[in-house]
mmCIF file of all heavy atoms, coordinates in Angstrom:
data_MODEL
# 
_entry.id   MODEL 
# 
loop_
_atom_site.group_PDB 
_atom_site.id 
_atom_site.type_symbol 
_atom_site.label_atom_id 
_atom_site.label_alt_id 
_atom_site.label_comp_id 
_atom_site.label_asym_id 
_atom_site.label_entity_id 
_atom_site.label_seq_id 
_atom_site.pdbx_PDB_ins_code 
_atom_site.Cartn_x 
_atom_site.Cartn_y 
_atom_site.Cartn_z 
_atom_site.occupancy 
_atom_site.B_iso_or_equiv 
_atom_site.pdbx_formal_charge 
_atom_site.auth_seq_id 
_atom_site.auth_comp_id 
_atom_site.auth_asym_id 
_atom_site.auth_atom_id 
_atom_site.pdbx_PDB_model_num 
ATOM 1   N N   . ASP A 1 1  ? 1.119  -9.220  -1.813 1.00 0.00 ? 1  ASP A N   1 
ATOM 2   C CA  . ASP A 1 1  ? 1.798  -8.806  -3.003 1.00 0.00 ? 1  ASP A CA  1 
ATOM 3   C C   . ASP A 1 1  ? 3.283  -8.676  -2.804 1.00 0.00 ? 1  ASP A C   1 
ATOM 4   O O   . ASP A 1 1  ? 4.114  -8.939  -3.717 1.00 0.00 ? 1  ASP A O   1 
ATOM 5   C CB  . ASP A 1 1  ? 1.199  -7.500  -3.597 1.00 0.00 ? 1  ASP A CB  1 
ATOM 6   C CG  . ASP A 1 1  ? -0.229 -7.701  -4.059 1.00 0.00 ? 1  ASP A CG  1 
ATOM 7   O OD1 . ASP A 1 1  ? -0.653 -8.815  -4.250 1.00 0.00 ? 1  ASP A OD1 1 
ATOM 8   O OD2 . ASP A 1 1  ? -0.917 -6.652  -4.233 1.00 0.00 ? 1  ASP A OD2 1 
ATOM 9   N N   . LEU A 1 2  ? 3.644  -8.182  -1.617 1.00 0.00 ? 2  LEU A N   1 
ATOM 10  C CA  . LEU A 1 2  ? 5.099  -8.015  -1.297 1.00 0.00 ? 2  LEU A CA  1 
ATOM 11  C C   . LEU A 1 2  ? 5.766  -9.374  -1.309 1.00 0.00 ? 2  LEU A C   1 
ATOM 12  O O   . LEU A 1 2  ? 6.904  -9.489  -1.698 1.00 0.00 ? 2  LEU A O   1 
ATOM 13  C CB  . LEU A 1 2  ? 5.206  -7.311  0.045  1.00 0.00 ? 2  LEU A CB  1 
ATOM 14  C CG  . LEU A 1 2  ? 6.580  -6.938  0.502  1.00 0.00 ? 2  LEU A CG  1 
ATOM 15  C CD1 . LEU A 1 2  ? 7.164  -5.806  -0.437 1.00 0.00 ? 2  LEU A CD1 1 
ATOM 16  C CD2 . LEU A 1 2  ? 6.620  -6.366  1.932  1.00 0.00 ? 2  LEU A CD2 1 
ATOM 17  N N   . VAL A 1 3  ? 5.092  -10.399 -0.798 1.00 0.00 ? 3  VAL A N   1 
ATOM 18  C CA  . VAL A 1 3  ? 5.699  -11.735 -0.714 1.00 0.00 ? 3  VAL A CA  1 
ATOM 19  C C   . VAL A 1 3  ? 5.754  -12.393 -2.109 1.00 0.00 ? 3  VAL A C   1 
ATOM 20  O O   . VAL A 1 3  ? 6.720  -12.960 -2.471 1.00 0.00 ? 3  VAL A O   1 
ATOM 21  C CB  . VAL A 1 3  ? 4.885  -12.605 0.274  1.00 0.00 ? 3  VAL A CB  1 
ATOM 22  C CG1 . VAL A 1 3  ? 5.351  -14.092 0.150  1.00 0.00 ? 3  VAL A CG1 1 
ATOM 23  C CG2 . VAL A 1 3  ? 4.980  -12.067 1.648  1.00 0.00 ? 3  VAL A CG2 1 
ATOM 24  N N   . THR A 1 4  ? 4.670  -12.160 -2.934 1.00 0.00 ? 4  THR A N   1 
ATOM 25  C CA  . THR A 1 4  ? 4.610  -12.831 -4.263 1.00 0.00 ? 4  THR A CA  1 
ATOM 26  C C   . THR A 1 4  ? 5.259  -11.959 -5.322 1.00 0.00 ? 4  THR A C   1 
ATOM 27  O O   . THR A 1 4  ? 5.605  -12.471 -6.389 1.00 0.00 ? 4  THR A O   1 
ATOM 28  C CB  . THR A 1 4  ? 3.142  -13.030 -4.627 1.00 0.00 ? 4  THR A CB  1 
ATOM 29  O OG1 . THR A 1 4  ? 2.472  -11.788 -4.697 1.00 0.00 ? 4  THR A OG1 1 
ATOM 30  C CG2 . THR A 1 4  ? 2.468  -13.928 -3.620 1.00 0.00 ? 4  THR A CG2 1 
ATOM 31  N N   . GLY A 1 5  ? 5.505  -10.678 -4.997 1.00 0.00 ? 5  GLY A N   1 
ATOM 32  C CA  . GLY A 1 5  ? 6.074  -9.775  -5.973 1.00 0.00 ? 5  GLY A CA  1 
ATOM 33  C C   . GLY A 1 5  ? 5.092  -9.308  -7.061 1.00 0.00 ? 5  GLY A C   1 
ATOM 34  O O   . GLY A 1 5  ? 5.529  -8.779  -8.059 1.00 0.00 ? 5  GLY A O   1 
ATOM 35  N N   . ALA A 1 6  ? 3.823  -9.544  -6.799 1.00 0.00 ? 6  ALA A N   1 
ATOM 36  C CA  . ALA A 1 6  ? 2.815  -9.147  -7.789 1.00 0.00 ? 6  ALA A CA  1 
ATOM 37  C C   . ALA A 1 6  ? 2.339  -7.697  -7.568 1.00 0.00 ? 6  ALA A C   1 
ATOM 38  O O   . ALA A 1 6  ? 2.503  -7.148  -6.494 1.00 0.00 ? 6  ALA A O   1 
ATOM 39  C CB  . ALA A 1 6  ? 1.597  -10.090 -7.706 1.00 0.00 ? 6  ALA A CB  1 
ATOM 40  N N   . GLY A 1 7  ? 1.758  -7.065  -8.579 1.00 0.00 ? 7  GLY A N   1 
ATOM 41  C CA  . GLY A 1 7  ? 1.140  -5.793  -8.475 1.00 0.00 ? 7  GLY A CA  1 
ATOM 42  C C   . GLY A 1 7  ? 2.100  -4.562  -8.367 1.00 0.00 ? 7  GLY A C   1 
ATOM 43  O O   . GLY A 1 7  ? 3.303  -4.817  -8.423 1.00 0.00 ? 7  GLY A O   1 
ATOM 44  N N   . ASP A 1 8  ? 1.504  -3.419  -8.331 1.00 0.00 ? 8  ASP A N   1 
ATOM 45  C CA  . ASP A 1 8  ? 2.318  -2.191  -8.260 1.00 0.00 ? 8  ASP A CA  1 
ATOM 46  C C   . ASP A 1 8  ? 2.535  -1.877  -6.759 1.00 0.00 ? 8  ASP A C   1 
ATOM 47  O O   . ASP A 1 8  ? 1.686  -1.259  -6.134 1.00 0.00 ? 8  ASP A O   1 
ATOM 48  C CB  . ASP A 1 8  ? 1.548  -1.012  -8.978 1.00 0.00 ? 8  ASP A CB  1 
ATOM 49  C CG  . ASP A 1 8  ? 2.450  0.265   -9.057 1.00 0.00 ? 8  ASP A CG  1 
ATOM 50  O OD1 . ASP A 1 8  ? 3.482  0.291   -8.293 1.00 0.00 ? 8  ASP A OD1 1 
ATOM 51  O OD2 . ASP A 1 8  ? 2.046  1.123   -9.837 1.00 0.00 ? 8  ASP A OD2 1 
ATOM 52  N N   . LEU A 1 9  ? 3.644  -2.310  -6.220 1.00 0.00 ? 9  LEU A N   1 
ATOM 53  C CA  . LEU A 1 9  ? 3.857  -2.232  -4.766 1.00 0.00 ? 9  LEU A CA  1 
ATOM 54  C C   . LEU A 1 9  ? 3.950  -0.782  -4.341 1.00 0.00 ? 9  LEU A C   1 
ATOM 55  O O   . LEU A 1 9  ? 3.467  -0.423  -3.244 1.00 0.00 ? 9  LEU A O   1 
ATOM 56  C CB  . LEU A 1 9  ? 5.120  -2.987  -4.414 1.00 0.00 ? 9  LEU A CB  1 
ATOM 57  C CG  . LEU A 1 9  ? 5.049  -4.537  -4.582 1.00 0.00 ? 9  LEU A CG  1 
ATOM 58  C CD1 . LEU A 1 9  ? 6.365  -5.119  -4.210 1.00 0.00 ? 9  LEU A CD1 1 
ATOM 59  C CD2 . LEU A 1 9  ? 3.930  -5.106  -3.734 1.00 0.00 ? 9  LEU A CD2 1 
ATOM 60  N N   . GLY A 1 10 ? 4.658  0.060   -5.117 1.00 0.00 ? 10 GLY A N   1 
ATOM 61  C CA  . GLY A 1 10 ? 4.744  1.501   -4.735 1.00 0.00 ? 10 GLY A CA  1 
ATOM 62  C C   . GLY A 1 10 ? 3.435  2.183   -4.602 1.00 0.00 ? 10 GLY A C   1 
ATOM 63  O O   . GLY A 1 10 ? 3.163  2.861   -3.639 1.00 0.00 ? 10 GLY A O   1 
ATOM 64  N N   . PHE A 1 11 ? 2.595  2.032   -5.590 1.00 0.00 ? 11 PHE A N   1 
ATOM 65  C CA  . PHE A 1 11 ? 1.249  2.651   -5.601 1.00 0.00 ? 11 PHE A CA  1 
ATOM 66  C C   . PHE A 1 11 ? 0.420  2.073   -4.424 1.00 0.00 ? 11 PHE A C   1 
ATOM 67  O O   . PHE A 1 11 ? -0.273 2.805   -3.710 1.00 0.00 ? 11 PHE A O   1 
ATOM 68  C CB  . PHE A 1 11 ? 0.580  2.389   -6.963 1.00 0.00 ? 11 PHE A CB  1 
ATOM 69  C CG  . PHE A 1 11 ? -0.866 2.916   -7.054 1.00 0.00 ? 11 PHE A CG  1 
ATOM 70  C CD1 . PHE A 1 11 ? -1.055 4.324   -7.025 1.00 0.00 ? 11 PHE A CD1 1 
ATOM 71  C CD2 . PHE A 1 11 ? -1.909 2.000   -7.056 1.00 0.00 ? 11 PHE A CD2 1 
ATOM 72  C CE1 . PHE A 1 11 ? -2.371 4.797   -7.137 1.00 0.00 ? 11 PHE A CE1 1 
ATOM 73  C CE2 . PHE A 1 11 ? -3.241 2.555   -7.116 1.00 0.00 ? 11 PHE A CE2 1 
ATOM 74  C CZ  . PHE A 1 11 ? -3.487 3.898   -7.180 1.00 0.00 ? 11 PHE A CZ  1 
ATOM 75  N N   . SER A 1 12 ? 0.476  0.753   -4.273 1.00 0.00 ? 12 SER A N   1 
ATOM 76  C CA  . SER A 1 12 ? -0.344 0.083   -3.272 1.00 0.00 ? 12 SER A CA  1 
ATOM 77  C C   . SER A 1 12 ? 0.090  0.603   -1.884 1.00 0.00 ? 12 SER A C   1 
ATOM 78  O O   . SER A 1 12 ? -0.746 0.784   -0.952 1.00 0.00 ? 12 SER A O   1 
ATOM 79  C CB  . SER A 1 12 ? -0.214 -1.419  -3.348 1.00 0.00 ? 12 SER A CB  1 
ATOM 80  O OG  . SER A 1 12 ? -0.928 -2.072  -2.374 1.00 0.00 ? 12 SER A OG  1 
ATOM 81  N N   . PHE A 1 13 ? 1.419  0.677   -1.675 1.00 0.00 ? 13 PHE A N   1 
ATOM 82  C CA  . PHE A 1 13 ? 1.956  1.143   -0.394 1.00 0.00 ? 13 PHE A CA  1 
ATOM 83  C C   . PHE A 1 13 ? 1.496  2.544   -0.022 1.00 0.00 ? 13 PHE A C   1 
ATOM 84  O O   . PHE A 1 13 ? 1.076  2.819   1.081  1.00 0.00 ? 13 PHE A O   1 
ATOM 85  C CB  . PHE A 1 13 ? 3.484  1.083   -0.402 1.00 0.00 ? 13 PHE A CB  1 
ATOM 86  C CG  . PHE A 1 13 ? 4.115  1.722   0.802  1.00 0.00 ? 13 PHE A CG  1 
ATOM 87  C CD1 . PHE A 1 13 ? 4.102  1.051   2.070  1.00 0.00 ? 13 PHE A CD1 1 
ATOM 88  C CD2 . PHE A 1 13 ? 4.688  3.005   0.799  1.00 0.00 ? 13 PHE A CD2 1 
ATOM 89  C CE1 . PHE A 1 13 ? 4.673  1.591   3.190  1.00 0.00 ? 13 PHE A CE1 1 
ATOM 90  C CE2 . PHE A 1 13 ? 5.214  3.572   1.921  1.00 0.00 ? 13 PHE A CE2 1 
ATOM 91  C CZ  . PHE A 1 13 ? 5.242  2.906   3.116  1.00 0.00 ? 13 PHE A CZ  1 
ATOM 92  N N   . GLN A 1 14 ? 1.516  3.490   -1.018 1.00 0.00 ? 14 GLN A N   1 
ATOM 93  C CA  . GLN A 1 14 ? 1.078  4.818   -0.768 1.00 0.00 ? 14 GLN A CA  1 
ATOM 94  C C   . GLN A 1 14 ? -0.426 4.935   -0.424 1.00 0.00 ? 14 GLN A C   1 
ATOM 95  O O   . GLN A 1 14 ? -0.826 5.668   0.465  1.00 0.00 ? 14 GLN A O   1 
ATOM 96  C CB  . GLN A 1 14 ? 1.363  5.696   -2.016 1.00 0.00 ? 14 GLN A CB  1 
ATOM 97  C CG  . GLN A 1 14 ? 2.867  5.846   -2.232 1.00 0.00 ? 14 GLN A CG  1 
ATOM 98  C CD  . GLN A 1 14 ? 3.157  6.791   -3.412 1.00 0.00 ? 14 GLN A CD  1 
ATOM 99  O OE1 . GLN A 1 14 ? 2.884  7.985   -3.367 1.00 0.00 ? 14 GLN A OE1 1 
ATOM 100 N NE2 . GLN A 1 14 ? 3.548  6.137   -4.517 1.00 0.00 ? 14 GLN A NE2 1 
ATOM 101 N N   . ILE A 1 15 ? -1.243 4.133   -1.122 1.00 0.00 ? 15 ILE A N   1 
ATOM 102 C CA  . ILE A 1 15 ? -2.698 4.133   -0.825 1.00 0.00 ? 15 ILE A CA  1 
ATOM 103 C C   . ILE A 1 15 ? -2.916 3.585   0.553  1.00 0.00 ? 15 ILE A C   1 
ATOM 104 O O   . ILE A 1 15 ? -3.675 4.176   1.363  1.00 0.00 ? 15 ILE A O   1 
ATOM 105 C CB  . ILE A 1 15 ? -3.488 3.258   -1.856 1.00 0.00 ? 15 ILE A CB  1 
ATOM 106 C CG1 . ILE A 1 15 ? -3.400 3.901   -3.246 1.00 0.00 ? 15 ILE A CG1 1 
ATOM 107 C CG2 . ILE A 1 15 ? -4.886 3.018   -1.432 1.00 0.00 ? 15 ILE A CG2 1 
ATOM 108 C CD1 . ILE A 1 15 ? -4.157 5.159   -3.372 1.00 0.00 ? 15 ILE A CD1 1 
ATOM 109 N N   . ASN A 1 16 ? -2.226 2.511   0.890  1.00 0.00 ? 16 ASN A N   1 
ATOM 110 C CA  . ASN A 1 16 ? -2.311 1.967   2.304  1.00 0.00 ? 16 ASN A CA  1 
ATOM 111 C C   . ASN A 1 16 ? -1.898 3.052   3.340  1.00 0.00 ? 16 ASN A C   1 
ATOM 112 O O   . ASN A 1 16 ? -2.595 3.134   4.405  1.00 0.00 ? 16 ASN A O   1 
ATOM 113 C CB  . ASN A 1 16 ? -1.423 0.746   2.415  1.00 0.00 ? 16 ASN A CB  1 
ATOM 114 C CG  . ASN A 1 16 ? -2.133 -0.500  2.117  1.00 0.00 ? 16 ASN A CG  1 
ATOM 115 O OD1 . ASN A 1 16 ? -3.036 -1.002  2.891  1.00 0.00 ? 16 ASN A OD1 1 
ATOM 116 N ND2 . ASN A 1 16 ? -1.849 -1.095  0.979  1.00 0.00 ? 16 ASN A ND2 1 
ATOM 117 N N   . LEU A 1 17 ? -0.838 3.671   3.022  1.00 0.00 ? 17 LEU A N   1 
ATOM 118 C CA  . LEU A 1 17 ? -0.263 4.682   4.034  1.00 0.00 ? 17 LEU A CA  1 
ATOM 119 C C   . LEU A 1 17 ? -1.348 5.775   4.283  1.00 0.00 ? 17 LEU A C   1 
ATOM 120 O O   . LEU A 1 17 ? -1.631 6.119   5.451  1.00 0.00 ? 17 LEU A O   1 
ATOM 121 C CB  . LEU A 1 17 ? 1.003  5.271   3.483  1.00 0.00 ? 17 LEU A CB  1 
ATOM 122 C CG  . LEU A 1 17 ? 1.678  6.260   4.398  1.00 0.00 ? 17 LEU A CG  1 
ATOM 123 C CD1 . LEU A 1 17 ? 2.234  5.575   5.654  1.00 0.00 ? 17 LEU A CD1 1 
ATOM 124 C CD2 . LEU A 1 17 ? 2.834  6.966   3.639  1.00 0.00 ? 17 LEU A CD2 1 
ATOM 125 N N   . TRP A 1 18 ? -1.925 6.286   3.240  1.00 0.00 ? 18 TRP A N   1 
ATOM 126 C CA  . TRP A 1 18 ? -2.902 7.350   3.402  1.00 0.00 ? 18 TRP A CA  1 
ATOM 127 C C   . TRP A 1 18 ? -4.207 6.967   3.954  1.00 0.00 ? 18 TRP A C   1 
ATOM 128 O O   . TRP A 1 18 ? -4.900 7.691   4.642  1.00 0.00 ? 18 TRP A O   1 
ATOM 129 C CB  . TRP A 1 18 ? -3.086 8.105   2.085  1.00 0.00 ? 18 TRP A CB  1 
ATOM 130 C CG  . TRP A 1 18 ? -1.897 9.034   1.792  1.00 0.00 ? 18 TRP A CG  1 
ATOM 131 C CD1 . TRP A 1 18 ? -0.834 8.725   0.923  1.00 0.00 ? 18 TRP A CD1 1 
ATOM 132 C CD2 . TRP A 1 18 ? -1.468 10.211  2.441  1.00 0.00 ? 18 TRP A CD2 1 
ATOM 133 N NE1 . TRP A 1 18 ? 0.091  9.695   0.967  1.00 0.00 ? 18 TRP A NE1 1 
ATOM 134 C CE2 . TRP A 1 18 ? -0.227 10.663  1.920  1.00 0.00 ? 18 TRP A CE2 1 
ATOM 135 C CE3 . TRP A 1 18 ? -2.099 10.966  3.401  1.00 0.00 ? 18 TRP A CE3 1 
ATOM 136 C CZ2 . TRP A 1 18 ? 0.379  11.832  2.302  1.00 0.00 ? 18 TRP A CZ2 1 
ATOM 137 C CZ3 . TRP A 1 18 ? -1.465 12.183  3.838  1.00 0.00 ? 18 TRP A CZ3 1 
ATOM 138 C CH2 . TRP A 1 18 ? -0.301 12.552  3.223  1.00 0.00 ? 18 TRP A CH2 1 
ATOM 139 N N   . LEU A 1 19 ? -4.569 5.671   3.761  1.00 0.00 ? 19 LEU A N   1 
ATOM 140 C CA  . LEU A 1 19 ? -5.767 5.130   4.337  1.00 0.00 ? 19 LEU A CA  1 
ATOM 141 C C   . LEU A 1 19 ? -5.582 5.123   5.902  1.00 0.00 ? 19 LEU A C   1 
ATOM 142 O O   . LEU A 1 19 ? -6.517 5.484   6.592  1.00 0.00 ? 19 LEU A O   1 
ATOM 143 C CB  . LEU A 1 19 ? -6.121 3.755   3.845  1.00 0.00 ? 19 LEU A CB  1 
ATOM 144 C CG  . LEU A 1 19 ? -6.692 3.664   2.421  1.00 0.00 ? 19 LEU A CG  1 
ATOM 145 C CD1 . LEU A 1 19 ? -6.804 2.174   1.981  1.00 0.00 ? 19 LEU A CD1 1 
ATOM 146 C CD2 . LEU A 1 19 ? -8.027 4.322   2.356  1.00 0.00 ? 19 LEU A CD2 1 
ATOM 147 N N   . TRP A 1 20 ? -4.477 4.670   6.273  1.00 0.00 ? 20 TRP A N   1 
ATOM 148 C CA  . TRP A 1 20 ? -4.186 4.603   7.768  1.00 0.00 ? 20 TRP A CA  1 
ATOM 149 C C   . TRP A 1 20 ? -4.071 6.023   8.330  1.00 0.00 ? 20 TRP A C   1 
ATOM 150 O O   . TRP A 1 20 ? -4.531 6.305   9.432  1.00 0.00 ? 20 TRP A O   1 
ATOM 151 C CB  . TRP A 1 20 ? -2.929 3.807   8.091  1.00 0.00 ? 20 TRP A CB  1 
ATOM 152 C CG  . TRP A 1 20 ? -3.148 2.371   8.043  1.00 0.00 ? 20 TRP A CG  1 
ATOM 153 C CD1 . TRP A 1 20 ? -2.620 1.451   7.119  1.00 0.00 ? 20 TRP A CD1 1 
ATOM 154 C CD2 . TRP A 1 20 ? -4.030 1.575   8.930  1.00 0.00 ? 20 TRP A CD2 1 
ATOM 155 N NE1 . TRP A 1 20 ? -3.134 0.161   7.475  1.00 0.00 ? 20 TRP A NE1 1 
ATOM 156 C CE2 . TRP A 1 20 ? -3.945 0.266   8.545  1.00 0.00 ? 20 TRP A CE2 1 
ATOM 157 C CE3 . TRP A 1 20 ? -4.766 1.954   10.040 1.00 0.00 ? 20 TRP A CE3 1 
ATOM 158 C CZ2 . TRP A 1 20 ? -4.637 -0.756  9.223  1.00 0.00 ? 20 TRP A CZ2 1 
ATOM 159 C CZ3 . TRP A 1 20 ? -5.510 0.909   10.706 1.00 0.00 ? 20 TRP A CZ3 1 
ATOM 160 C CH2 . TRP A 1 20 ? -5.400 -0.373  10.278 1.00 0.00 ? 20 TRP A CH2 1 
ATOM 161 N N   . PHE A 1 21 ? -3.517 6.974   7.543  1.00 0.00 ? 21 PHE A N   1 
ATOM 162 C CA  . PHE A 1 21 ? -3.493 8.366   7.980  1.00 0.00 ? 21 PHE A CA  1 
ATOM 163 C C   . PHE A 1 21 ? -4.876 8.873   8.140  1.00 0.00 ? 21 PHE A C   1 
ATOM 164 O O   . PHE A 1 21 ? -5.130 9.695   9.106  1.00 0.00 ? 21 PHE A O   1 
ATOM 165 C CB  . PHE A 1 21 ? -2.717 9.171   6.970  1.00 0.00 ? 21 PHE A CB  1 
ATOM 166 C CG  . PHE A 1 21 ? -1.177 9.187   7.216  1.00 0.00 ? 21 PHE A CG  1 
ATOM 167 C CD1 . PHE A 1 21 ? -0.354 9.512   6.145  1.00 0.00 ? 21 PHE A CD1 1 
ATOM 168 C CD2 . PHE A 1 21 ? -0.611 8.879   8.389  1.00 0.00 ? 21 PHE A CD2 1 
ATOM 169 C CE1 . PHE A 1 21 ? 1.020  9.553   6.302  1.00 0.00 ? 21 PHE A CE1 1 
ATOM 170 C CE2 . PHE A 1 21 ? 0.787  8.882   8.574  1.00 0.00 ? 21 PHE A CE2 1 
ATOM 171 C CZ  . PHE A 1 21 ? 1.538  9.189   7.522  1.00 0.00 ? 21 PHE A CZ  1 
ATOM 172 N N   . THR A 1 22 ? -5.817 8.553   7.272  1.00 0.00 ? 22 THR A N   1 
ATOM 173 C CA  . THR A 1 22 ? -7.162 8.978   7.358  1.00 0.00 ? 22 THR A CA  1 
ATOM 174 C C   . THR A 1 22 ? -7.752 8.584   8.776  1.00 0.00 ? 22 THR A C   1 
ATOM 175 O O   . THR A 1 22 ? -8.438 9.386   9.439  1.00 0.00 ? 22 THR A O   1 
ATOM 176 C CB  . THR A 1 22 ? -8.034 8.443   6.274  1.00 0.00 ? 22 THR A CB  1 
ATOM 177 O OG1 . THR A 1 22 ? -7.446 8.817   5.014  1.00 0.00 ? 22 THR A OG1 1 
ATOM 178 C CG2 . THR A 1 22 ? -9.492 8.937   6.337  1.00 0.00 ? 22 THR A CG2 1 
ATOM 179 N N   . VAL A 1 23 ? -7.559 7.321   9.115  1.00 0.00 ? 23 VAL A N   1 
ATOM 180 C CA  . VAL A 1 23 ? -8.059 6.812   10.387 1.00 0.00 ? 23 VAL A CA  1 
ATOM 181 C C   . VAL A 1 23 ? -7.355 7.540   11.565 1.00 0.00 ? 23 VAL A C   1 
ATOM 182 O O   . VAL A 1 23 ? -7.989 7.997   12.498 1.00 0.00 ? 23 VAL A O   1 
ATOM 183 C CB  . VAL A 1 23 ? -7.847 5.296   10.512 1.00 0.00 ? 23 VAL A CB  1 
ATOM 184 C CG1 . VAL A 1 23 ? -8.327 4.772   11.871 1.00 0.00 ? 23 VAL A CG1 1 
ATOM 185 C CG2 . VAL A 1 23 ? -8.559 4.568   9.392  1.00 0.00 ? 23 VAL A CG2 1 
ATOM 186 N N   . LEU A 1 24 ? -6.023 7.698   11.439 1.00 0.00 ? 24 LEU A N   1 
ATOM 187 C CA  . LEU A 1 24 ? -5.252 8.307   12.565 1.00 0.00 ? 24 LEU A CA  1 
ATOM 188 C C   . LEU A 1 24 ? -5.649 9.793   12.691 1.00 0.00 ? 24 LEU A C   1 
ATOM 189 O O   . LEU A 1 24 ? -5.686 10.312  13.833 1.00 0.00 ? 24 LEU A O   1 
ATOM 190 C CB  . LEU A 1 24 ? -3.727 8.143   12.325 1.00 0.00 ? 24 LEU A CB  1 
ATOM 191 C CG  . LEU A 1 24 ? -3.213 6.740   12.569 1.00 0.00 ? 24 LEU A CG  1 
ATOM 192 C CD1 . LEU A 1 24 ? -1.785 6.625   12.022 1.00 0.00 ? 24 LEU A CD1 1 
ATOM 193 C CD2 . LEU A 1 24 ? -3.276 6.407   13.968 1.00 0.00 ? 24 LEU A CD2 1 
# 
């Protein structure tokens, strides 16, 4: 999405960040 510019990048980034925090 970052490459194509599609989607809500801010929301998607935060979800990704907290998913990785869950694993860490």
